Amino acid sequence: MTDPELSDLRARAVNGDRDAVDQLIELAGERGDMEELRRLADAGSSDAMDELVQLAGERGDTTELRRLADAGHRDAADVLAEFADEVDDVRE
């Protein structure tokens, strides 16, 4: 996707085009673009938030997961708890 196409998609998303938001989430997930996912999640997209948690979990990004959990996202807290359990298992 070219930069102008991406800019157009972002503009459509800002104007409430749900298909554009979905496309941006998919593209950001494929690219591993945490910043784009954060922006979409901050704009109210629960799908972007879910993708952000999934990507942070895959990367083992406990800082991002902790930020999301502290903001009240239960799935992020669950993933953090799983990481803590894994660390405890390794120690035993």
PDB file of N, CA and C in Angstrom:
ATOM      1  N   MET A   1       0.846  -1.176   0.000  1.00  0.00           N
ATOM      2  CA  MET A   1       0.000   0.000   0.000  1.00  0.00           C
ATOM      3  C   MET A   1       0.889   1.235   0.000  1.00  0.00           C
ATOM      4  N   THR A   2       0.558   2.176  -0.851  1.00  0.00           N
ATOM      5  CA  THR A   2       1.354   3.400  -0.950  1.00  0.00           C
ATOM      6  C   THR A   2       1.009   4.347   0.195  1.00  0.00           C
ATOM      7  N   ASP A   3       1.890   5.311   0.437  1.00  0.00           N
ATOM      8  CA  ASP A   3       1.641   6.304   1.482  1.00  0.00           C
ATOM      9  C   ASP A   3       0.357   7.094   1.227  1.00  0.00           C
ATOM     10  N   PRO A   4       0.098   7.539  -0.025  1.00  0.00           N
ATOM     11  CA  PRO A   4      -1.167   8.246  -0.253  1.00  0.00           C
ATOM     12  C   PRO A   4      -2.395   7.370   0.009  1.00  0.00           C
ATOM     13  N   GLU A   5      -2.318   6.103  -0.332  1.00  0.00           N
ATOM     14  CA  GLU A   5      -3.446   5.197  -0.072  1.00  0.00           C
ATOM     15  C   GLU A   5      -3.660   5.028   1.432  1.00  0.00           C
ATOM     16  N   LEU A   6      -2.563   4.908   2.159  1.00  0.00           N
ATOM     17  CA  LEU A   6      -2.649   4.769   3.613  1.00  0.00           C
ATOM     18  C   LEU A   6      -3.214   6.043   4.243  1.00  0.00           C
ATOM     19  N   SER A   7      -2.786   7.183   3.749  1.00  0.00           N
ATOM     20  CA  SER A   7      -3.313   8.456   4.253  1.00  0.00           C
ATOM     21  C   SER A   7      -4.810   8.568   3.996  1.00  0.00           C
ATOM     22  N   ASP A   8      -5.235   8.147   2.806  1.00  0.00           N
ATOM     23  CA  ASP A   8      -6.662   8.169   2.470  1.00  0.00           C
ATOM     24  C   ASP A   8      -7.438   7.230   3.396  1.00  0.00           C
ATOM     25  N   LEU A   9      -6.884   6.065   3.645  1.00  0.00           N
ATOM     26  CA  LEU A   9      -7.535   5.100   4.530  1.00  0.00           C
ATOM     27  C   LEU A   9      -7.678   5.673   5.936  1.00  0.00           C
ATOM     28  N   ARG A  10      -6.629   6.333   6.416  1.00  0.00           N
ATOM     29  CA  ARG A  10      -6.681   6.957   7.749  1.00  0.00           C
ATOM     30  C   ARG A  10      -7.733   8.066   7.803  1.00  0.00           C
ATOM     31  N   ALA A  11      -7.804   8.853   6.751  1.00  0.00           N
ATOM     32  CA  ALA A  11      -8.804   9.927   6.715  1.00  0.00           C
ATOM     33  C   ALA A  11     -10.216   9.349   6.719  1.00  0.00           C
ATOM     34  N   ARG A  12     -10.430   8.293   5.971  1.00  0.00           N
ATOM     35  CA  ARG A  12     -11.735   7.651   5.967  1.00  0.00           C
ATOM     36  C   ARG A  12     -12.067   7.094   7.352  1.00  0.00           C
ATOM     37  N   ALA A  13     -11.083   6.524   8.016  1.00  0.00           N
ATOM     38  CA  ALA A  13     -11.302   5.965   9.355  1.00  0.00           C
ATOM     39  C   ALA A  13     -11.687   7.061  10.338  1.00  0.00           C
ATOM     40  N   VAL A  14     -11.013   8.180  10.272  1.00  0.00           N
ATOM     41  CA  VAL A  14     -11.312   9.303  11.161  1.00  0.00           C
ATOM     42  C   VAL A  14     -12.737   9.795  10.941  1.00  0.00           C
ATOM     43  N   ASN A  15     -13.207   9.687   9.716  1.00  0.00           N
ATOM     44  CA  ASN A  15     -14.566  10.130   9.383  1.00  0.00           C
ATOM     45  C   ASN A  15     -15.618   9.057   9.633  1.00  0.00           C
ATOM     46  N   GLY A  16     -15.228   7.979  10.323  1.00  0.00           N
ATOM     47  CA  GLY A  16     -16.204   6.986  10.748  1.00  0.00           C
ATOM     48  C   GLY A  16     -16.408   5.804   9.824  1.00  0.00           C
ATOM     49  N   ASP A  17     -15.566   5.646   8.818  1.00  0.00           N
ATOM     50  CA  ASP A  17     -15.684   4.520   7.893  1.00  0.00           C
ATOM     51  C   ASP A  17     -15.167   3.255   8.579  1.00  0.00           C
ATOM     52  N   ARG A  18     -16.091   2.392   8.994  1.00  0.00           N
ATOM     53  CA  ARG A  18     -15.744   1.186   9.746  1.00  0.00           C
ATOM     54  C   ARG A  18     -14.872   0.234   8.935  1.00  0.00           C
ATOM     55  N   ASP A  19     -15.133   0.156   7.621  1.00  0.00           N
ATOM     56  CA  ASP A  19     -14.302  -0.699   6.768  1.00  0.00           C
ATOM     57  C   ASP A  19     -12.859  -0.205   6.741  1.00  0.00           C
ATOM     58  N   ALA A  20     -12.684   1.104   6.721  1.00  0.00           N
ATOM     59  CA  ALA A  20     -11.339   1.681   6.730  1.00  0.00           C
ATOM     60  C   ALA A  20     -10.633   1.358   8.042  1.00  0.00           C
ATOM     61  N   VAL A  21     -11.358   1.451   9.148  1.00  0.00           N
ATOM     62  CA  VAL A  21     -10.778   1.109  10.448  1.00  0.00           C
ATOM     63  C   VAL A  21     -10.344  -0.357  10.457  1.00  0.00           C
ATOM     64  N   ASP A  22     -11.207  -1.225   9.969  1.00  0.00           N
ATOM     65  CA  ASP A  22     -10.874  -2.655   9.921  1.00  0.00           C
ATOM     66  C   ASP A  22      -9.647  -2.918   9.060  1.00  0.00           C
ATOM     67  N   GLN A  23      -9.557  -2.232   7.925  1.00  0.00           N
ATOM     68  CA  GLN A  23      -8.393  -2.405   7.052  1.00  0.00           C
ATOM     69  C   GLN A  23      -7.123  -1.910   7.731  1.00  0.00           C
ATOM     70  N   LEU A  24      -7.224  -0.780   8.416  1.00  0.00           N
ATOM     71  CA  LEU A  24      -6.054  -0.255   9.130  1.00  0.00           C
ATOM     72  C   LEU A  24      -5.593  -1.210  10.221  1.00  0.00           C
ATOM     73  N   ILE A  25      -6.536  -1.803  10.931  1.00  0.00           N
ATOM     74  CA  ILE A  25      -6.184  -2.756  11.983  1.00  0.00           C
ATOM     75  C   ILE A  25      -5.470  -3.957  11.378  1.00  0.00           C
ATOM     76  N   GLU A  26      -6.017  -4.472  10.299  1.00  0.00           N
ATOM     77  CA  GLU A  26      -5.404  -5.625   9.645  1.00  0.00           C
ATOM     78  C   GLU A  26      -3.992  -5.302   9.154  1.00  0.00           C
ATOM     79  N   LEU A  27      -3.849  -4.162   8.499  1.00  0.00           N
ATOM     80  CA  LEU A  27      -2.531  -3.760   8.001  1.00  0.00           C
ATOM     81  C   LEU A  27      -1.538  -3.543   9.138  1.00  0.00           C
ATOM     82  N   ALA A  28      -1.993  -2.876  10.189  1.00  0.00           N
ATOM     83  CA  ALA A  28      -1.107  -2.618  11.330  1.00  0.00           C
ATOM     84  C   ALA A  28      -0.680  -3.919  11.991  1.00  0.00           C
ATOM     85  N   GLY A  29      -1.592  -4.867  12.108  1.00  0.00           N
ATOM     86  CA  GLY A  29      -1.248  -6.164  12.678  1.00  0.00           C
ATOM     87  C   GLY A  29      -0.226  -6.894  11.833  1.00  0.00           C
ATOM     88  N   GLU A  30      -0.410  -6.863  10.528  1.00  0.00           N
ATOM     89  CA  GLU A  30       0.532  -7.523   9.616  1.00  0.00           C
ATOM     90  C   GLU A  30       1.913  -6.891   9.684  1.00  0.00           C
ATOM     91  N   ARG A  31       1.947  -5.557   9.817  1.00  0.00           N
ATOM     92  CA  ARG A  31       3.221  -4.834   9.865  1.00  0.00           C
ATOM     93  C   ARG A  31       3.827  -4.815  11.267  1.00  0.00           C
ATOM     94  N   GLY A  32       3.043  -5.208  12.255  1.00  0.00           N
ATOM     95  CA  GLY A  32       3.513  -5.110  13.634  1.00  0.00           C
ATOM     96  C   GLY A  32       3.605  -3.669  14.094  1.00  0.00           C
ATOM     97  N   ASP A  33       2.699  -2.846  13.586  1.00  0.00           N
ATOM     98  CA  ASP A  33       2.724  -1.412  13.859  1.00  0.00           C
ATOM     99  C   ASP A  33       1.944  -1.095  15.136  1.00  0.00           C
ATOM    100  N   MET A  34       2.650  -1.150  16.252  1.00  0.00           N
ATOM    101  CA  MET A  34       2.028  -0.902  17.551  1.00  0.00           C
ATOM    102  C   MET A  34       1.506   0.537  17.656  1.00  0.00           C
ATOM    103  N   GLU A  35       2.209   1.480  17.070  1.00  0.00           N
ATOM    104  CA  GLU A  35       1.783   2.879  17.152  1.00  0.00           C
ATOM    105  C   GLU A  35       0.424   3.078  16.477  1.00  0.00           C
ATOM    106  N   GLU A  36       0.256   2.494  15.299  1.00  0.00           N
ATOM    107  CA  GLU A  36      -1.026   2.606  14.589  1.00  0.00           C
ATOM    108  C   GLU A  36      -2.137   1.948  15.405  1.00  0.00           C
ATOM    109  N   LEU A  37      -1.842   0.784  15.954  1.00  0.00           N
ATOM    110  CA  LEU A  37      -2.847   0.088  16.763  1.00  0.00           C
ATOM    111  C   LEU A  37      -3.201   0.891  18.006  1.00  0.00           C
ATOM    112  N   ARG A  38      -2.213   1.510  18.647  1.00  0.00           N
ATOM    113  CA  ARG A  38      -2.487   2.355  19.818  1.00  0.00           C
ATOM    114  C   ARG A  38      -3.398   3.513  19.450  1.00  0.00           C
ATOM    115  N   ARG A  39      -3.100   4.152  18.310  1.00  0.00           N
ATOM    116  CA  ARG A  39      -3.892   5.294  17.867  1.00  0.00           C
ATOM    117  C   ARG A  39      -5.340   4.872  17.620  1.00  0.00           C
ATOM    118  N   LEU A  40      -5.532   3.745  16.958  1.00  0.00           N
ATOM    119  CA  LEU A  40      -6.880   3.258  16.674  1.00  0.00           C
ATOM    120  C   LEU A  40      -7.599   2.843  17.963  1.00  0.00           C
ATOM    121  N   ALA A  41      -6.860   2.198  18.862  1.00  0.00           N
ATOM    122  CA  ALA A  41      -7.454   1.796  20.142  1.00  0.00           C
ATOM    123  C   ALA A  41      -7.840   3.023  20.958  1.00  0.00           C
ATOM    124  N   ASP A  42      -6.973   4.028  20.963  1.00  0.00           N
ATOM    125  CA  ASP A  42      -7.266   5.261  21.695  1.00  0.00           C
ATOM    126  C   ASP A  42      -8.483   5.985  21.121  1.00  0.00           C
ATOM    127  N   ALA A  43      -8.736   5.754  19.831  1.00  0.00           N
ATOM    128  CA  ALA A  43      -9.905   6.362  19.180  1.00  0.00           C
ATOM    129  C   ALA A  43     -11.175   5.557  19.445  1.00  0.00           C
ATOM    130  N   GLY A  44     -11.035   4.439  20.194  1.00  0.00           N
ATOM    131  CA  GLY A  44     -12.215   3.696  20.606  1.00  0.00           C
ATOM    132  C   GLY A  44     -12.426   2.346  19.955  1.00  0.00           C
ATOM    133  N   SER A  45     -11.467   1.892  19.148  1.00  0.00           N
ATOM    134  CA  SER A  45     -11.636   0.602  18.488  1.00  0.00           C
ATOM    135  C   SER A  45     -11.243  -0.543  19.416  1.00  0.00           C
ATOM    136  N   SER A  46     -12.232  -1.331  19.816  1.00  0.00           N
ATOM    137  CA  SER A  46     -11.936  -2.493  20.657  1.00  0.00           C
ATOM    138  C   SER A  46     -11.188  -3.560  19.858  1.00  0.00           C
ATOM    139  N   ASP A  47     -11.430  -3.631  18.551  1.00  0.00           N
ATOM    140  CA  ASP A  47     -10.694  -4.588  17.710  1.00  0.00           C
ATOM    141  C   ASP A  47      -9.215  -4.234  17.664  1.00  0.00           C
ATOM    142  N   ALA A  48      -8.913  -2.948  17.578  1.00  0.00           N
ATOM    143  CA  ALA A  48      -7.514  -2.515  17.591  1.00  0.00           C
ATOM    144  C   ALA A  48      -6.878  -2.837  18.937  1.00  0.00           C
ATOM    145  N   MET A  49      -7.635  -2.649  20.006  1.00  0.00           N
ATOM    146  CA  MET A  49      -7.125  -2.973  21.340  1.00  0.00           C
ATOM    147  C   MET A  49      -6.815  -4.460  21.442  1.00  0.00           C
ATOM    148  N   ASP A  50      -7.712  -5.291  20.939  1.00  0.00           N
ATOM    149  CA  ASP A  50      -7.489  -6.738  20.967  1.00  0.00           C
ATOM    150  C   ASP A  50      -6.244  -7.118  20.170  1.00  0.00           C
ATOM    151  N   GLU A  51      -6.089  -6.515  19.005  1.00  0.00           N
ATOM    152  CA  GLU A  51      -4.915  -6.784  18.162  1.00  0.00           C
ATOM    153  C   GLU A  51      -3.642  -6.306  18.854  1.00  0.00           C
ATOM    154  N   LEU A  52      -3.723  -5.172  19.520  1.00  0.00           N
ATOM    155  CA  LEU A  52      -2.577  -4.631  20.247  1.00  0.00           C
ATOM    156  C   LEU A  52      -2.152  -5.571  21.371  1.00  0.00           C
ATOM    157  N   VAL A  53      -3.115  -6.093  22.111  1.00  0.00           N
ATOM    158  CA  VAL A  53      -2.806  -7.043  23.187  1.00  0.00           C
ATOM    159  C   VAL A  53      -2.175  -8.298  22.596  1.00  0.00           C
ATOM    160  N   GLN A  54      -2.747  -8.797  21.515  1.00  0.00           N
ATOM    161  CA  GLN A  54      -2.213 -10.003  20.890  1.00  0.00           C
ATOM    162  C   GLN A  54      -0.778  -9.789  20.416  1.00  0.00           C
ATOM    163  N   LEU A  55      -0.527  -8.682  19.744  1.00  0.00           N
ATOM    164  CA  LEU A  55       0.806  -8.396  19.230  1.00  0.00           C
ATOM    165  C   LEU A  55       1.805  -8.210  20.372  1.00  0.00           C
ATOM    166  N   ALA A  56       1.411  -7.492  21.400  1.00  0.00           N
ATOM    167  CA  ALA A  56       2.295  -7.298  22.558  1.00  0.00           C
ATOM    168  C   ALA A  56       2.601  -8.643  23.219  1.00  0.00           C
ATOM    169  N   GLY A  57       1.596  -9.510  23.303  1.00  0.00           N
ATOM    170  CA  GLY A  57       1.809 -10.830  23.876  1.00  0.00           C
ATOM    171  C   GLY A  57       2.763 -11.665  23.044  1.00  0.00           C
ATOM    172  N   GLU A  58       2.594 -11.627  21.725  1.00  0.00           N
ATOM    173  CA  GLU A  58       3.482 -12.384  20.837  1.00  0.00           C
ATOM    174  C   GLU A  58       4.920 -11.903  20.956  1.00  0.00           C
ATOM    175  N   ARG A  59       5.081 -10.613  21.153  1.00  0.00           N
ATOM    176  CA  ARG A  59       6.420 -10.029  21.263  1.00  0.00           C
ATOM    177  C   ARG A  59       6.993 -10.139  22.674  1.00  0.00           C
ATOM    178  N   GLY A  60       6.170 -10.528  23.622  1.00  0.00           N
ATOM    179  CA  GLY A  60       6.622 -10.558  25.007  1.00  0.00           C
ATOM    180  C   GLY A  60       6.842  -9.166  25.561  1.00  0.00           C
ATOM    181  N   ASP A  61       6.100  -8.202  25.035  1.00  0.00           N
ATOM    182  CA  ASP A  61       6.245  -6.800  25.420  1.00  0.00           C
ATOM    183  C   ASP A  61       5.465  -6.539  26.711  1.00  0.00           C
ATOM    184  N   THR A  62       6.097  -6.875  27.820  1.00  0.00           N
ATOM    185  CA  THR A  62       5.422  -6.738  29.107  1.00  0.00           C
ATOM    186  C   THR A  62       5.179  -5.277  29.475  1.00  0.00           C
ATOM    187  N   THR A  63       6.004  -4.373  28.973  1.00  0.00           N
ATOM    188  CA  THR A  63       5.796  -2.951  29.252  1.00  0.00           C
ATOM    189  C   THR A  63       4.472  -2.490  28.640  1.00  0.00           C
ATOM    190  N   GLU A  64       4.238  -2.856  27.378  1.00  0.00           N
ATOM    191  CA  GLU A  64       2.983  -2.481  26.725  1.00  0.00           C
ATOM    192  C   GLU A  64       1.803  -3.172  27.390  1.00  0.00           C
ATOM    193  N   LEU A  65       1.963  -4.437  27.700  1.00  0.00           N
ATOM    194  CA  LEU A  65       0.884  -5.182  28.359  1.00  0.00           C
ATOM    195  C   LEU A  65       0.550  -4.559  29.714  1.00  0.00           C
ATOM    196  N   ARG A  66       1.564  -4.156  30.451  1.00  0.00           N
ATOM    197  CA  ARG A  66       1.343  -3.533  31.754  1.00  0.00           C
ATOM    198  C   ARG A  66       0.619  -2.191  31.585  1.00  0.00           C
ATOM    199  N   ARG A  67       1.012  -1.418  30.565  1.00  0.00           N
ATOM    200  CA  ARG A  67       0.352  -0.134  30.292  1.00  0.00           C
ATOM    201  C   ARG A  67      -1.137  -0.355  30.010  1.00  0.00           C
ATOM    202  N   LEU A  68      -1.423  -1.362  29.195  1.00  0.00           N
ATOM    203  CA  LEU A  68      -2.812  -1.661  28.847  1.00  0.00           C
ATOM    204  C   LEU A  68      -3.583  -2.194  30.054  1.00  0.00           C
ATOM    205  N   ALA A  69      -2.944  -3.058  30.823  1.00  0.00           N
ATOM    206  CA  ALA A  69      -3.590  -3.609  32.018  1.00  0.00           C
ATOM    207  C   ALA A  69      -3.877  -2.505  33.026  1.00  0.00           C
ATOM    208  N   ASP A  70      -2.929  -1.597  33.195  1.00  0.00           N
ATOM    209  CA  ASP A  70      -3.123  -0.476  34.124  1.00  0.00           C
ATOM    210  C   ASP A  70      -4.262   0.434  33.680  1.00  0.00           C
ATOM    211  N   ALA A  71      -4.511   0.449  32.359  1.00  0.00           N
ATOM    212  CA  ALA A  71      -5.616   1.256  31.827  1.00  0.00           C
ATOM    213  C   ALA A  71      -6.946   0.510  31.904  1.00  0.00           C
ATOM    214  N   GLY A  72      -6.902  -0.715  32.461  1.00  0.00           N
ATOM    215  CA  GLY A  72      -8.140  -1.459  32.679  1.00  0.00           C
ATOM    216  C   GLY A  72      -8.463  -2.536  31.669  1.00  0.00           C
ATOM    217  N   HIS A  73      -7.532  -2.845  30.774  1.00  0.00           N
ATOM    218  CA  HIS A  73      -7.814  -3.880  29.777  1.00  0.00           C
ATOM    219  C   HIS A  73      -7.550  -5.257  30.387  1.00  0.00           C
ATOM    220  N   ARG A  74      -8.616  -5.997  30.583  1.00  0.00           N
ATOM    221  CA  ARG A  74      -8.548  -7.292  31.274  1.00  0.00           C
ATOM    222  C   ARG A  74      -7.720  -8.328  30.520  1.00  0.00           C
ATOM    223  N   ASP A  75      -7.831  -8.364  29.189  1.00  0.00           N
ATOM    224  CA  ASP A  75      -7.065  -9.349  28.418  1.00  0.00           C
ATOM    225  C   ASP A  75      -5.564  -9.130  28.579  1.00  0.00           C
ATOM    226  N   ALA A  76      -5.142  -7.871  28.623  1.00  0.00           N
ATOM    227  CA  ALA A  76      -3.727  -7.577  28.821  1.00  0.00           C
ATOM    228  C   ALA A  76      -3.271  -8.076  30.187  1.00  0.00           C
ATOM    229  N   ALA A  77      -4.102  -7.886  31.196  1.00  0.00           N
ATOM    230  CA  ALA A  77      -3.777  -8.376  32.541  1.00  0.00           C
ATOM    231  C   ALA A  77      -3.673  -9.899  32.544  1.00  0.00           C
ATOM    232  N   ASP A  78      -4.552 -10.560  31.801  1.00  0.00           N
ATOM    233  CA  ASP A  78      -4.520 -12.022  31.717  1.00  0.00           C
ATOM    234  C   ASP A  78      -3.234 -12.515  31.060  1.00  0.00           C
ATOM    235  N   VAL A  79      -2.815 -11.846  29.988  1.00  0.00           N
ATOM    236  CA  VAL A  79      -1.579 -12.239  29.307  1.00  0.00           C
ATOM    237  C   VAL A  79      -0.381 -12.023  30.234  1.00  0.00           C
ATOM    238  N   LEU A  80      -0.378 -10.914  30.966  1.00  0.00           N
ATOM    239  CA  LEU A  80       0.696 -10.675  31.939  1.00  0.00           C
ATOM    240  C   LEU A  80       0.737 -11.772  32.991  1.00  0.00           C
ATOM    241  N   ALA A  81      -0.425 -12.182  33.451  1.00  0.00           N
ATOM    242  CA  ALA A  81      -0.487 -13.254  34.447  1.00  0.00           C
ATOM    243  C   ALA A  81       0.066 -14.562  33.877  1.00  0.00           C
ATOM    244  N   GLU A  82      -0.231 -14.830  32.611  1.00  0.00           N
ATOM    245  CA  GLU A  82       0.312 -16.033  31.970  1.00  0.00           C
ATOM    246  C   GLU A  82       1.832 -15.974  31.914  1.00  0.00           C
ATOM    247  N   PHE A  83       2.377 -14.803  31.572  1.00  0.00           N
ATOM    248  CA  PHE A  83       3.829 -14.643  31.559  1.00  0.00           C
ATOM    249  C   PHE A  83       4.418 -14.878  32.941  1.00  0.00           C
ATOM    250  N   ALA A  84       3.767 -14.356  33.960  1.00  0.00           N
ATOM    251  CA  ALA A  84       4.249 -14.536  35.327  1.00  0.00           C
ATOM    252  C   ALA A  84       4.224 -16.009  35.710  1.00  0.00           C
ATOM    253  N   ASP A  85       3.192 -16.729  35.299  1.00  0.00           N
ATOM    254  CA  ASP A  85       3.105 -18.165  35.577  1.00  0.00           C
ATOM    255  C   ASP A  85       4.230 -18.919  34.882  1.00  0.00           C
ATOM    256  N   GLU A  86       4.530 -18.523  33.641  1.00  0.00           N
ATOM    257  CA  GLU A  86       5.605 -19.177  32.903  1.00  0.00           C
ATOM    258  C   GLU A  86       6.953 -18.967  33.591  1.00  0.00           C
ATOM    259  N   VAL A  87       7.180 -17.750  34.083  1.00  0.00           N
ATOM    260  CA  VAL A  87       8.427 -17.459  34.792  1.00  0.00           C
ATOM    261  C   VAL A  87       8.496 -18.288  36.059  1.00  0.00           C
ATOM    262  N   ASP A  88       7.392 -18.390  36.786  1.00  0.00           N
ATOM    263  CA  ASP A  88       7.369 -19.195  38.005  1.00  0.00           C
ATOM    264  C   ASP A  88       7.653 -20.658  37.698  1.00  0.00           C
ATOM    265  N   ASP A  89       7.104 -21.185  36.592  1.00  0.00           N
ATOM    266  CA  ASP A  89       7.334 -22.569  36.196  1.00  0.00           C
ATOM    267  C   ASP A  89       8.796 -22.821  35.895  1.00  0.00           C
ATOM    268  N   VAL A  90       9.449 -21.851  35.262  1.00  0.00           N
ATOM    269  CA  VAL A  90      10.865 -21.979  34.926  1.00  0.00           C
ATOM    270  C   VAL A  90      11.712 -21.987  36.188  1.00  0.00           C
ATOM    271  N   ARG A  91      11.332 -21.205  37.167  1.00  0.00           N
ATOM    272  CA  ARG A  91      12.087 -21.112  38.426  1.00  0.00           C
ATOM    273  C   ARG A  91      11.979 -22.379  39.252  1.00  0.00           C
ATOM    274  N   GLU A  92      10.881 -23.099  39.077  1.00  0.00           N
ATOM    275  CA  GLU A  92      10.661 -24.286  39.905  1.00  0.00           C
ATOM    276  C   GLU A  92      11.436 -25.404  39.371  1.00  0.00           C
TER     277      GLU A  92
END
